[in-house]
Amino acid sequence: MFTWENAWNVLRPLIKMGLILLIGHFIIVYIMRIVKKAFHRSKMDHSLAEFLSKSTNIVLHIFVILSALNSVGVSTNGILAALSAATVAVAVALKDSLNNVAGGILLLLSPRVYIAAGGDEGTVVRVDLLHTTVRTIDNKMVSIPNGALLNSHIINYTREPRRRVDITFSVPYEANIEKAKQIICGVLLAHPLVLKEPEEPMARVMRYQDSAVEVITRSWCNTPDYWKVYFDLTEQVRDALEKNGITIPYNQFDVHIKESEK
């Protein structure tokens, strides 16, 4: 038999659960605003801040949902046990994707701007849970799975403020090697972007090849100036050597013909 008292007894738990969900949602929205402002003030990496915000938001909503279910007499112990079992099953089925997630978390925690990994090289644009997006030098967008990055050799070109520029030049055997080294060092020292620290620019004999002597140069510059210094020195050293009568040799073979005795 329908009575208002019976209806109220049925609706009261549902209303209580609805109020917990509604109030909990607004409280989470308020908390997330505070969290995002805190991340912004700390100047945290944008990708890392976004990941932590989403994770916090999900955890808080799960807590509110479990509280709402518990308020109407639903045992959350069974739900947690079922979620744990489902989590294990999903983890086994999606181990490759979870590897990408783990890689994404580690990449978010490490500073990176310009990297080379897995045959791709460029500026890191975005790091999400599954992929890292890199803009290459020729303006292509490449998405690399985080798991592959985590298990590969990553070179971070912009972590340090200075980089060393190593260039090798070939000098003919008949040239005066000491004079060639002095000319090359003069070009290095004259370049305005070449630094005198942490060590002076230098030119030394690297190895003896079949047709030439290899002279290696080592100089330091600020990281943003690397490619300009590299290309400038490559062009200027050749010009300076040629002006002093030293030409860069090319591979050649000397063939000696001996006449056989009749």
C-alpha atoms as a PDB file:
ATOM      1  CA  MET A   1       0.000   0.000   0.000  1.00  0.00           C
ATOM      2  CA  PHE A   2       1.390   3.366  -1.048  1.00  0.00           C
ATOM      3  CA  THR A   3       2.025   5.863   1.704  1.00  0.00           C
ATOM      4  CA  TRP A   4       4.035   9.043   1.774  1.00  0.00           C
ATOM      5  CA  GLU A   5       6.083   7.597   4.595  1.00  0.00           C
ATOM      6  CA  ASN A   6       7.069   4.574   2.486  1.00  0.00           C
ATOM      7  CA  ALA A   7       7.866   6.822  -0.480  1.00  0.00           C
ATOM      8  CA  TRP A   8       9.999   9.022   1.714  1.00  0.00           C
ATOM      9  CA  ASN A   9      11.853   6.001   3.083  1.00  0.00           C
ATOM     10  CA  VAL A  10      12.677   4.959  -0.491  1.00  0.00           C
ATOM     11  CA  LEU A  11      13.580   8.407  -1.781  1.00  0.00           C
ATOM     12  CA  ARG A  12      15.570   9.584   1.247  1.00  0.00           C
ATOM     13  CA  PRO A  13      18.669   7.441   0.546  1.00  0.00           C
ATOM     14  CA  LEU A  14      18.559   8.398  -3.137  1.00  0.00           C
ATOM     15  CA  ILE A  15      18.269  12.083  -2.295  1.00  0.00           C
ATOM     16  CA  LYS A  16      21.130  11.710   0.202  1.00  0.00           C
ATOM     17  CA  MET A  17      23.294  10.037  -2.441  1.00  0.00           C
ATOM     18  CA  GLY A  18      22.401  12.700  -4.998  1.00  0.00           C
ATOM     19  CA  LEU A  19      23.261  15.503  -2.581  1.00  0.00           C
ATOM     20  CA  ILE A  20      26.639  13.890  -1.774  1.00  0.00           C
ATOM     21  CA  LEU A  21      27.415  13.580  -5.495  1.00  0.00           C
ATOM     22  CA  LEU A  22      26.292  17.140  -6.270  1.00  0.00           C
ATOM     23  CA  ILE A  23      27.989  18.817  -3.307  1.00  0.00           C
ATOM     24  CA  GLY A  24      31.065  16.649  -3.775  1.00  0.00           C
ATOM     25  CA  HIS A  25      31.298  17.672  -7.432  1.00  0.00           C
ATOM     26  CA  PHE A  26      31.190  21.395  -6.608  1.00  0.00           C
ATOM     27  CA  ILE A  27      33.762  20.913  -3.848  1.00  0.00           C
ATOM     28  CA  ILE A  28      36.050  19.137  -6.323  1.00  0.00           C
ATOM     29  CA  VAL A  29      35.628  21.965  -8.837  1.00  0.00           C
ATOM     30  CA  TYR A  30      36.656  24.454  -6.144  1.00  0.00           C
ATOM     31  CA  ILE A  31      39.629  22.292  -5.084  1.00  0.00           C
ATOM     32  CA  MET A  32      40.773  21.909  -8.701  1.00  0.00           C
ATOM     33  CA  ARG A  33      40.793  25.683  -9.168  1.00  0.00           C
ATOM     34  CA  ILE A  34      43.086  26.007  -6.166  1.00  0.00           C
ATOM     35  CA  VAL A  35      45.315  23.175  -7.418  1.00  0.00           C
ATOM     36  CA  LYS A  36      45.625  24.669 -10.919  1.00  0.00           C
ATOM     37  CA  LYS A  37      46.490  28.092  -9.491  1.00  0.00           C
ATOM     38  CA  ALA A  38      49.140  26.469  -7.287  1.00  0.00           C
ATOM     39  CA  PHE A  39      50.637  24.676 -10.311  1.00  0.00           C
ATOM     40  CA  HIS A  40      50.615  27.933 -12.270  1.00  0.00           C
ATOM     41  CA  ARG A  41      52.415  29.820  -9.503  1.00  0.00           C
ATOM     42  CA  SER A  42      55.037  27.094  -9.215  1.00  0.00           C
ATOM     43  CA  LYS A  43      55.816  27.467 -12.965  1.00  0.00           C
ATOM     44  CA  MET A  44      55.522  23.710 -13.360  1.00  0.00           C
ATOM     45  CA  ASP A  45      55.806  22.184 -16.820  1.00  0.00           C
ATOM     46  CA  HIS A  46      52.415  22.525 -18.546  1.00  0.00           C
ATOM     47  CA  SER A  47      52.178  18.853 -19.521  1.00  0.00           C
ATOM     48  CA  LEU A  48      53.070  17.701 -16.011  1.00  0.00           C
ATOM     49  CA  ALA A  49      50.596  20.145 -14.433  1.00  0.00           C
ATOM     50  CA  GLU A  50      47.834  18.944 -16.767  1.00  0.00           C
ATOM     51  CA  PHE A  51      48.564  15.294 -15.975  1.00  0.00           C
ATOM     52  CA  LEU A  52      48.576  15.894 -12.203  1.00  0.00           C
ATOM     53  CA  SER A  53      45.361  17.920 -12.439  1.00  0.00           C
ATOM     54  CA  LYS A  54      43.534  15.186 -14.338  1.00  0.00           C
ATOM     55  CA  SER A  55      44.809  12.499 -11.978  1.00  0.00           C
ATOM     56  CA  THR A  56      43.732  14.500  -8.912  1.00  0.00           C
ATOM     57  CA  ASN A  57      40.321  15.148 -10.457  1.00  0.00           C
ATOM     58  CA  ILE A  58      39.750  11.424 -11.164  1.00  0.00           C
ATOM     59  CA  VAL A  59      40.853  10.331  -7.682  1.00  0.00           C
ATOM     60  CA  LEU A  60      38.599  12.873  -5.955  1.00  0.00           C
ATOM     61  CA  HIS A  61      35.564  11.886  -8.046  1.00  0.00           C
ATOM     62  CA  ILE A  62      36.142   8.192  -7.277  1.00  0.00           C
ATOM     63  CA  PHE A  63      36.268   9.056  -3.568  1.00  0.00           C
ATOM     64  CA  VAL A  64      32.971  11.005  -3.806  1.00  0.00           C
ATOM     65  CA  ILE A  65      31.251   8.192  -5.731  1.00  0.00           C
ATOM     66  CA  LEU A  66      32.342   5.593  -3.176  1.00  0.00           C
ATOM     67  CA  SER A  67      31.160   7.856  -0.335  1.00  0.00           C
ATOM     68  CA  ALA A  68      27.782   8.291  -2.032  1.00  0.00           C
ATOM     69  CA  LEU A  69      27.347   4.534  -2.481  1.00  0.00           C
ATOM     70  CA  ASN A  70      28.401   3.887   1.097  1.00  0.00           C
ATOM     71  CA  SER A  71      25.787   6.382   2.314  1.00  0.00           C
ATOM     72  CA  VAL A  72      22.952   4.256   0.889  1.00  0.00           C
ATOM     73  CA  GLY A  73      24.264   1.040   2.415  1.00  0.00           C
ATOM     74  CA  VAL A  74      26.185  -0.298  -0.577  1.00  0.00           C
ATOM     75  CA  SER A  75      29.314  -2.092   0.600  1.00  0.00           C
ATOM     76  CA  THR A  76      32.326  -0.468  -0.983  1.00  0.00           C
ATOM     77  CA  ASN A  77      34.595  -3.344   0.055  1.00  0.00           C
ATOM     78  CA  GLY A  78      33.172  -5.546  -2.673  1.00  0.00           C
ATOM     79  CA  ILE A  79      33.432  -2.736  -5.206  1.00  0.00           C
ATOM     80  CA  LEU A  80      37.064  -2.109  -4.298  1.00  0.00           C
ATOM     81  CA  ALA A  81      37.827  -5.827  -4.570  1.00  0.00           C
ATOM     82  CA  ALA A  82      36.175  -5.984  -7.987  1.00  0.00           C
ATOM     83  CA  LEU A  83      38.047  -2.870  -9.134  1.00  0.00           C
ATOM     84  CA  SER A  84      41.328  -4.384  -7.954  1.00  0.00           C
ATOM     85  CA  ALA A  85      40.688  -7.583  -9.900  1.00  0.00           C
ATOM     86  CA  ALA A  86      39.625  -5.610 -12.971  1.00  0.00           C
ATOM     87  CA  THR A  87      42.735  -3.436 -12.667  1.00  0.00           C
ATOM     88  CA  VAL A  88      44.997  -6.496 -12.674  1.00  0.00           C
ATOM     89  CA  ALA A  89      43.212  -7.935 -15.718  1.00  0.00           C
ATOM     90  CA  VAL A  90      43.415  -4.631 -17.585  1.00  0.00           C
ATOM     91  CA  ALA A  91      47.073  -4.221 -16.634  1.00  0.00           C
ATOM     92  CA  VAL A  92      47.908  -7.637 -18.121  1.00  0.00           C
ATOM     93  CA  ALA A  93      45.907  -6.970 -21.287  1.00  0.00           C
ATOM     94  CA  LEU A  94      47.251  -3.464 -21.792  1.00  0.00           C
ATOM     95  CA  LYS A  95      50.816  -3.852 -20.553  1.00  0.00           C
ATOM     96  CA  ASP A  96      52.244  -2.101 -23.633  1.00  0.00           C
ATOM     97  CA  SER A  97      49.943   0.880 -23.158  1.00  0.00           C
ATOM     98  CA  LEU A  98      50.743   0.977 -19.442  1.00  0.00           C
ATOM     99  CA  ASN A  99      54.426   0.972 -20.370  1.00  0.00           C
ATOM    100  CA  ASN A 100      53.726   4.098 -22.417  1.00  0.00           C
ATOM    101  CA  VAL A 101      51.887   5.634 -19.458  1.00  0.00           C
ATOM    102  CA  ALA A 102      54.830   4.920 -17.139  1.00  0.00           C
ATOM    103  CA  GLY A 103      57.185   6.366 -19.714  1.00  0.00           C
ATOM    104  CA  GLY A 104      55.031   9.468 -20.024  1.00  0.00           C
ATOM    105  CA  ILE A 105      55.094  10.026 -16.264  1.00  0.00           C
ATOM    106  CA  LEU A 106      58.892   9.743 -16.140  1.00  0.00           C
ATOM    107  CA  LEU A 107      59.281  12.047 -19.140  1.00  0.00           C
ATOM    108  CA  LEU A 108      56.989  14.606 -17.539  1.00  0.00           C
ATOM    109  CA  LEU A 109      59.201  14.610 -14.451  1.00  0.00           C
ATOM    110  CA  SER A 110      62.383  15.232 -16.454  1.00  0.00           C
ATOM    111  CA  PRO A 111      63.268  18.548 -18.107  1.00  0.00           C
ATOM    112  CA  ARG A 112      63.413  18.349 -21.896  1.00  0.00           C
ATOM    113  CA  VAL A 113      63.253  20.806 -24.771  1.00  0.00           C
ATOM    114  CA  TYR A 114      65.200  19.471 -27.747  1.00  0.00           C
ATOM    115  CA  ILE A 115      65.896  15.751 -27.894  1.00  0.00           C
ATOM    116  CA  ALA A 116      67.082  13.021 -30.237  1.00  0.00           C
ATOM    117  CA  ALA A 117      65.744   9.490 -29.749  1.00  0.00           C
ATOM    118  CA  GLY A 118      64.828   6.519 -31.879  1.00  0.00           C
ATOM    119  CA  GLY A 119      66.039   8.176 -35.073  1.00  0.00           C
ATOM    120  CA  ASP A 120      63.866  11.267 -34.554  1.00  0.00           C
ATOM    121  CA  GLU A 121      65.220  14.628 -33.479  1.00  0.00           C
ATOM    122  CA  GLY A 122      63.403  17.839 -32.640  1.00  0.00           C
ATOM    123  CA  THR A 123      61.734  20.113 -30.102  1.00  0.00           C
ATOM    124  CA  VAL A 124      59.344  18.521 -27.619  1.00  0.00           C
ATOM    125  CA  VAL A 125      55.917  20.069 -28.135  1.00  0.00           C
ATOM    126  CA  ARG A 126      53.750  17.973 -25.843  1.00  0.00           C
ATOM    127  CA  VAL A 127      54.006  14.976 -23.529  1.00  0.00           C
ATOM    128  CA  ASP A 128      50.807  13.091 -22.744  1.00  0.00           C
ATOM    129  CA  LEU A 129      50.224   9.706 -21.129  1.00  0.00           C
ATOM    130  CA  LEU A 130      50.802   7.622 -24.269  1.00  0.00           C
ATOM    131  CA  HIS A 131      52.834   9.687 -26.717  1.00  0.00           C
ATOM    132  CA  THR A 132      55.433  12.425 -26.890  1.00  0.00           C
ATOM    133  CA  THR A 133      54.974  14.852 -29.774  1.00  0.00           C
ATOM    134  CA  VAL A 134      58.161  16.224 -31.314  1.00  0.00           C
ATOM    135  CA  ARG A 135      58.488  18.964 -33.955  1.00  0.00           C
ATOM    136  CA  THR A 136      61.443  18.119 -36.196  1.00  0.00           C
ATOM    137  CA  ILE A 137      63.828  20.635 -37.748  1.00  0.00           C
ATOM    138  CA  ASP A 138      61.921  20.498 -41.056  1.00  0.00           C
ATOM    139  CA  ASN A 139      58.639  21.210 -39.218  1.00  0.00           C
ATOM    140  CA  LYS A 140      57.154  17.723 -39.130  1.00  0.00           C
ATOM    141  CA  MET A 141      55.122  16.596 -36.127  1.00  0.00           C
ATOM    142  CA  VAL A 142      56.210  13.150 -34.926  1.00  0.00           C
ATOM    143  CA  SER A 143      54.366  11.202 -32.214  1.00  0.00           C
ATOM    144  CA  ILE A 144      56.655   8.759 -30.400  1.00  0.00           C
ATOM    145  CA  PRO A 145      55.280   6.150 -27.946  1.00  0.00           C
ATOM    146  CA  ASN A 146      56.519   6.945 -24.458  1.00  0.00           C
ATOM    147  CA  GLY A 147      57.496   3.320 -23.900  1.00  0.00           C
ATOM    148  CA  ALA A 148      59.861   3.459 -26.882  1.00  0.00           C
ATOM    149  CA  LEU A 149      61.392   6.684 -25.575  1.00  0.00           C
ATOM    150  CA  LEU A 150      61.798   5.232 -22.107  1.00  0.00           C
ATOM    151  CA  ASN A 151      63.711   2.242 -23.475  1.00  0.00           C
ATOM    152  CA  SER A 152      65.828   4.157 -25.984  1.00  0.00           C
ATOM    153  CA  HIS A 153      68.903   6.342 -25.810  1.00  0.00           C
ATOM    154  CA  ILE A 154      67.669   9.921 -25.327  1.00  0.00           C
ATOM    155  CA  ILE A 155      69.971  12.863 -26.046  1.00  0.00           C
ATOM    156  CA  ASN A 156      68.874  16.138 -24.474  1.00  0.00           C
ATOM    157  CA  TYR A 157      70.551  18.916 -26.448  1.00  0.00           C
ATOM    158  CA  THR A 158      69.187  21.859 -24.477  1.00  0.00           C
ATOM    159  CA  ARG A 159      69.625  20.709 -20.869  1.00  0.00           C
ATOM    160  CA  GLU A 160      72.980  22.503 -20.515  1.00  0.00           C
ATOM    161  CA  PRO A 161      73.500  26.191 -21.352  1.00  0.00           C
ATOM    162  CA  ARG A 162      76.662  25.522 -23.410  1.00  0.00           C
ATOM    163  CA  ARG A 163      77.628  23.002 -26.076  1.00  0.00           C
ATOM    164  CA  ARG A 164      80.931  22.005 -27.617  1.00  0.00           C
ATOM    165  CA  VAL A 165      81.262  22.279 -31.386  1.00  0.00           C
ATOM    166  CA  ASP A 166      83.452  19.527 -32.865  1.00  0.00           C
ATOM    167  CA  ILE A 167      84.390  19.840 -36.552  1.00  0.00           C
ATOM    168  CA  THR A 168      86.973  17.830 -38.468  1.00  0.00           C
ATOM    169  CA  PHE A 169      88.905  19.255 -41.445  1.00  0.00           C
ATOM    170  CA  SER A 170      91.154  17.453 -43.915  1.00  0.00           C
ATOM    171  CA  VAL A 171      94.589  18.894 -44.678  1.00  0.00           C
ATOM    172  CA  PRO A 172      96.900  17.542 -47.412  1.00  0.00           C
ATOM    173  CA  TYR A 173     100.099  15.765 -46.368  1.00  0.00           C
ATOM    174  CA  GLU A 174     102.291  18.241 -48.218  1.00  0.00           C
ATOM    175  CA  ALA A 175     100.884  21.204 -46.242  1.00  0.00           C
ATOM    176  CA  ASN A 176     102.532  22.646 -43.138  1.00  0.00           C
ATOM    177  CA  ILE A 177     100.327  21.138 -40.423  1.00  0.00           C
ATOM    178  CA  GLU A 178     101.375  23.611 -37.728  1.00  0.00           C
ATOM    179  CA  LYS A 179     100.540  26.530 -40.022  1.00  0.00           C
ATOM    180  CA  ALA A 180      97.173  24.953 -40.841  1.00  0.00           C
ATOM    181  CA  LYS A 181      96.400  24.542 -37.126  1.00  0.00           C
ATOM    182  CA  GLN A 182      97.293  28.194 -36.470  1.00  0.00           C
ATOM    183  CA  ILE A 183      95.022  29.353 -39.295  1.00  0.00           C
ATOM    184  CA  ILE A 184      92.147  27.244 -38.021  1.00  0.00           C
ATOM    185  CA  CYS A 185      92.604  28.447 -34.427  1.00  0.00           C
ATOM    186  CA  GLY A 186      92.644  32.029 -35.688  1.00  0.00           C
ATOM    187  CA  VAL A 187      89.237  31.528 -37.281  1.00  0.00           C
ATOM    188  CA  LEU A 188      87.846  29.977 -34.079  1.00  0.00           C
ATOM    189  CA  LEU A 189      89.144  32.786 -31.867  1.00  0.00           C
ATOM    190  CA  ALA A 190      87.838  35.475 -34.227  1.00  0.00           C
ATOM    191  CA  HIS A 191      84.249  34.221 -34.227  1.00  0.00           C
ATOM    192  CA  PRO A 192      82.128  36.419 -31.905  1.00  0.00           C
ATOM    193  CA  LEU A 193      79.939  33.543 -30.686  1.00  0.00           C
ATOM    194  CA  VAL A 194      82.786  31.204 -29.763  1.00  0.00           C
ATOM    195  CA  LEU A 195      83.384  31.187 -25.997  1.00  0.00           C
ATOM    196  CA  LYS A 196      86.750  31.151 -24.241  1.00  0.00           C
ATOM    197  CA  GLU A 197      85.319  29.076 -21.382  1.00  0.00           C
ATOM    198  CA  PRO A 198      85.237  26.375 -20.135  1.00  0.00           C
ATOM    199  CA  GLU A 199      88.305  25.979 -22.362  1.00  0.00           C
ATOM    200  CA  GLU A 200      90.030  27.808 -25.190  1.00  0.00           C
ATOM    201  CA  PRO A 201      89.237  26.774 -28.789  1.00  0.00           C
ATOM    202  CA  MET A 202      91.746  24.239 -30.055  1.00  0.00           C
ATOM    203  CA  ALA A 203      92.827  22.437 -33.242  1.00  0.00           C
ATOM    204  CA  ARG A 204      94.783  19.167 -33.076  1.00  0.00           C
ATOM    205  CA  VAL A 205      95.697  16.341 -35.422  1.00  0.00           C
ATOM    206  CA  MET A 206      93.055  13.634 -35.079  1.00  0.00           C
ATOM    207  CA  ARG A 207      94.243  10.875 -37.395  1.00  0.00           C
ATOM    208  CA  TYR A 208      96.166  10.134 -40.595  1.00  0.00           C
ATOM    209  CA  GLN A 209      93.989   9.037 -43.493  1.00  0.00           C
ATOM    210  CA  ASP A 210      95.020   7.652 -46.872  1.00  0.00           C
ATOM    211  CA  SER A 211      94.887  11.006 -48.649  1.00  0.00           C
ATOM    212  CA  ALA A 212      94.872  13.610 -45.875  1.00  0.00           C
ATOM    213  CA  VAL A 213      95.620  14.507 -42.281  1.00  0.00           C
ATOM    214  CA  GLU A 214      92.460  15.039 -40.218  1.00  0.00           C
ATOM    215  CA  VAL A 215      92.531  18.052 -37.912  1.00  0.00           C
ATOM    216  CA  ILE A 216      89.753  18.219 -35.317  1.00  0.00           C
ATOM    217  CA  THR A 217      88.565  21.513 -33.839  1.00  0.00           C
ATOM    218  CA  ARG A 218      86.836  21.902 -30.510  1.00  0.00           C
ATOM    219  CA  SER A 219      85.199  25.126 -29.397  1.00  0.00           C
ATOM    220  CA  TRP A 220      82.391  26.092 -27.029  1.00  0.00           C
ATOM    221  CA  CYS A 221      79.311  28.217 -27.616  1.00  0.00           C
ATOM    222  CA  ASN A 222      75.942  28.924 -26.022  1.00  0.00           C
ATOM    223  CA  THR A 223      73.463  26.167 -26.832  1.00  0.00           C
ATOM    224  CA  PRO A 224      71.090  28.349 -28.955  1.00  0.00           C
ATOM    225  CA  ASP A 225      74.087  29.410 -31.114  1.00  0.00           C
ATOM    226  CA  TYR A 226      75.286  25.886 -31.894  1.00  0.00           C
ATOM    227  CA  TRP A 227      74.194  25.542 -35.515  1.00  0.00           C
ATOM    228  CA  LYS A 228      75.169  29.074 -36.489  1.00  0.00           C
ATOM    229  CA  VAL A 229      78.656  28.528 -35.063  1.00  0.00           C
ATOM    230  CA  TYR A 230      78.918  25.109 -36.713  1.00  0.00           C
ATOM    231  CA  PHE A 231      78.023  26.353 -40.200  1.00  0.00           C
ATOM    232  CA  ASP A 232      80.048  29.568 -39.878  1.00  0.00           C
ATOM    233  CA  LEU A 233      83.208  27.732 -38.845  1.00  0.00           C
ATOM    234  CA  THR A 234      82.768  25.104 -41.548  1.00  0.00           C
ATOM    235  CA  GLU A 235      82.670  27.817 -44.221  1.00  0.00           C
ATOM    236  CA  GLN A 236      85.181  30.242 -42.731  1.00  0.00           C
ATOM    237  CA  VAL A 237      87.900  27.672 -42.037  1.00  0.00           C
ATOM    238  CA  ARG A 238      87.863  26.445 -45.629  1.00  0.00           C
ATOM    239  CA  ASP A 239      88.062  30.010 -46.949  1.00  0.00           C
ATOM    240  CA  ALA A 240      90.941  30.816 -44.597  1.00  0.00           C
ATOM    241  CA  LEU A 241      92.887  27.691 -45.590  1.00  0.00           C
ATOM    242  CA  GLU A 242      92.441  28.343 -49.315  1.00  0.00           C
ATOM    243  CA  LYS A 243      93.571  31.972 -48.939  1.00  0.00           C
ATOM    244  CA  ASN A 244      96.796  30.634 -47.438  1.00  0.00           C
ATOM    245  CA  GLY A 245      97.331  28.122 -50.232  1.00  0.00           C
ATOM    246  CA  ILE A 246      96.045  25.069 -48.337  1.00  0.00           C
ATOM    247  CA  THR A 247      93.329  23.240 -50.223  1.00  0.00           C
ATOM    248  CA  ILE A 248      91.131  20.580 -48.694  1.00  0.00           C
ATOM    249  CA  PRO A 249      92.131  17.331 -50.455  1.00  0.00           C
ATOM    250  CA  TYR A 250      89.951  14.654 -51.952  1.00  0.00           C
ATOM    251  CA  ASN A 251      90.538  10.935 -52.129  1.00  0.00           C
ATOM    252  CA  GLN A 252      93.068  10.024 -54.777  1.00  0.00           C
ATOM    253  CA  PHE A 253      95.278   7.145 -55.795  1.00  0.00           C
ATOM    254  CA  ASP A 254      98.788   7.334 -57.152  1.00  0.00           C
ATOM    255  CA  VAL A 255      99.339   4.669 -59.795  1.00  0.00           C
ATOM    256  CA  HIS A 256     102.922   3.767 -60.711  1.00  0.00           C
ATOM    257  CA  ILE A 257     103.479   1.780 -63.891  1.00  0.00           C
ATOM    258  CA  LYS A 258     106.647  -0.225 -64.149  1.00  0.00           C
ATOM    259  CA  GLU A 259     107.804  -1.354 -67.534  1.00  0.00           C
ATOM    260  CA  SER A 260     108.677  -4.989 -67.654  1.00  0.00           C
ATOM    261  CA  GLU A 261     112.077  -5.955 -68.954  1.00  0.00           C
ATOM    262  CA  LYS A 262     112.088  -7.633 -72.347  1.00  0.00           C
END
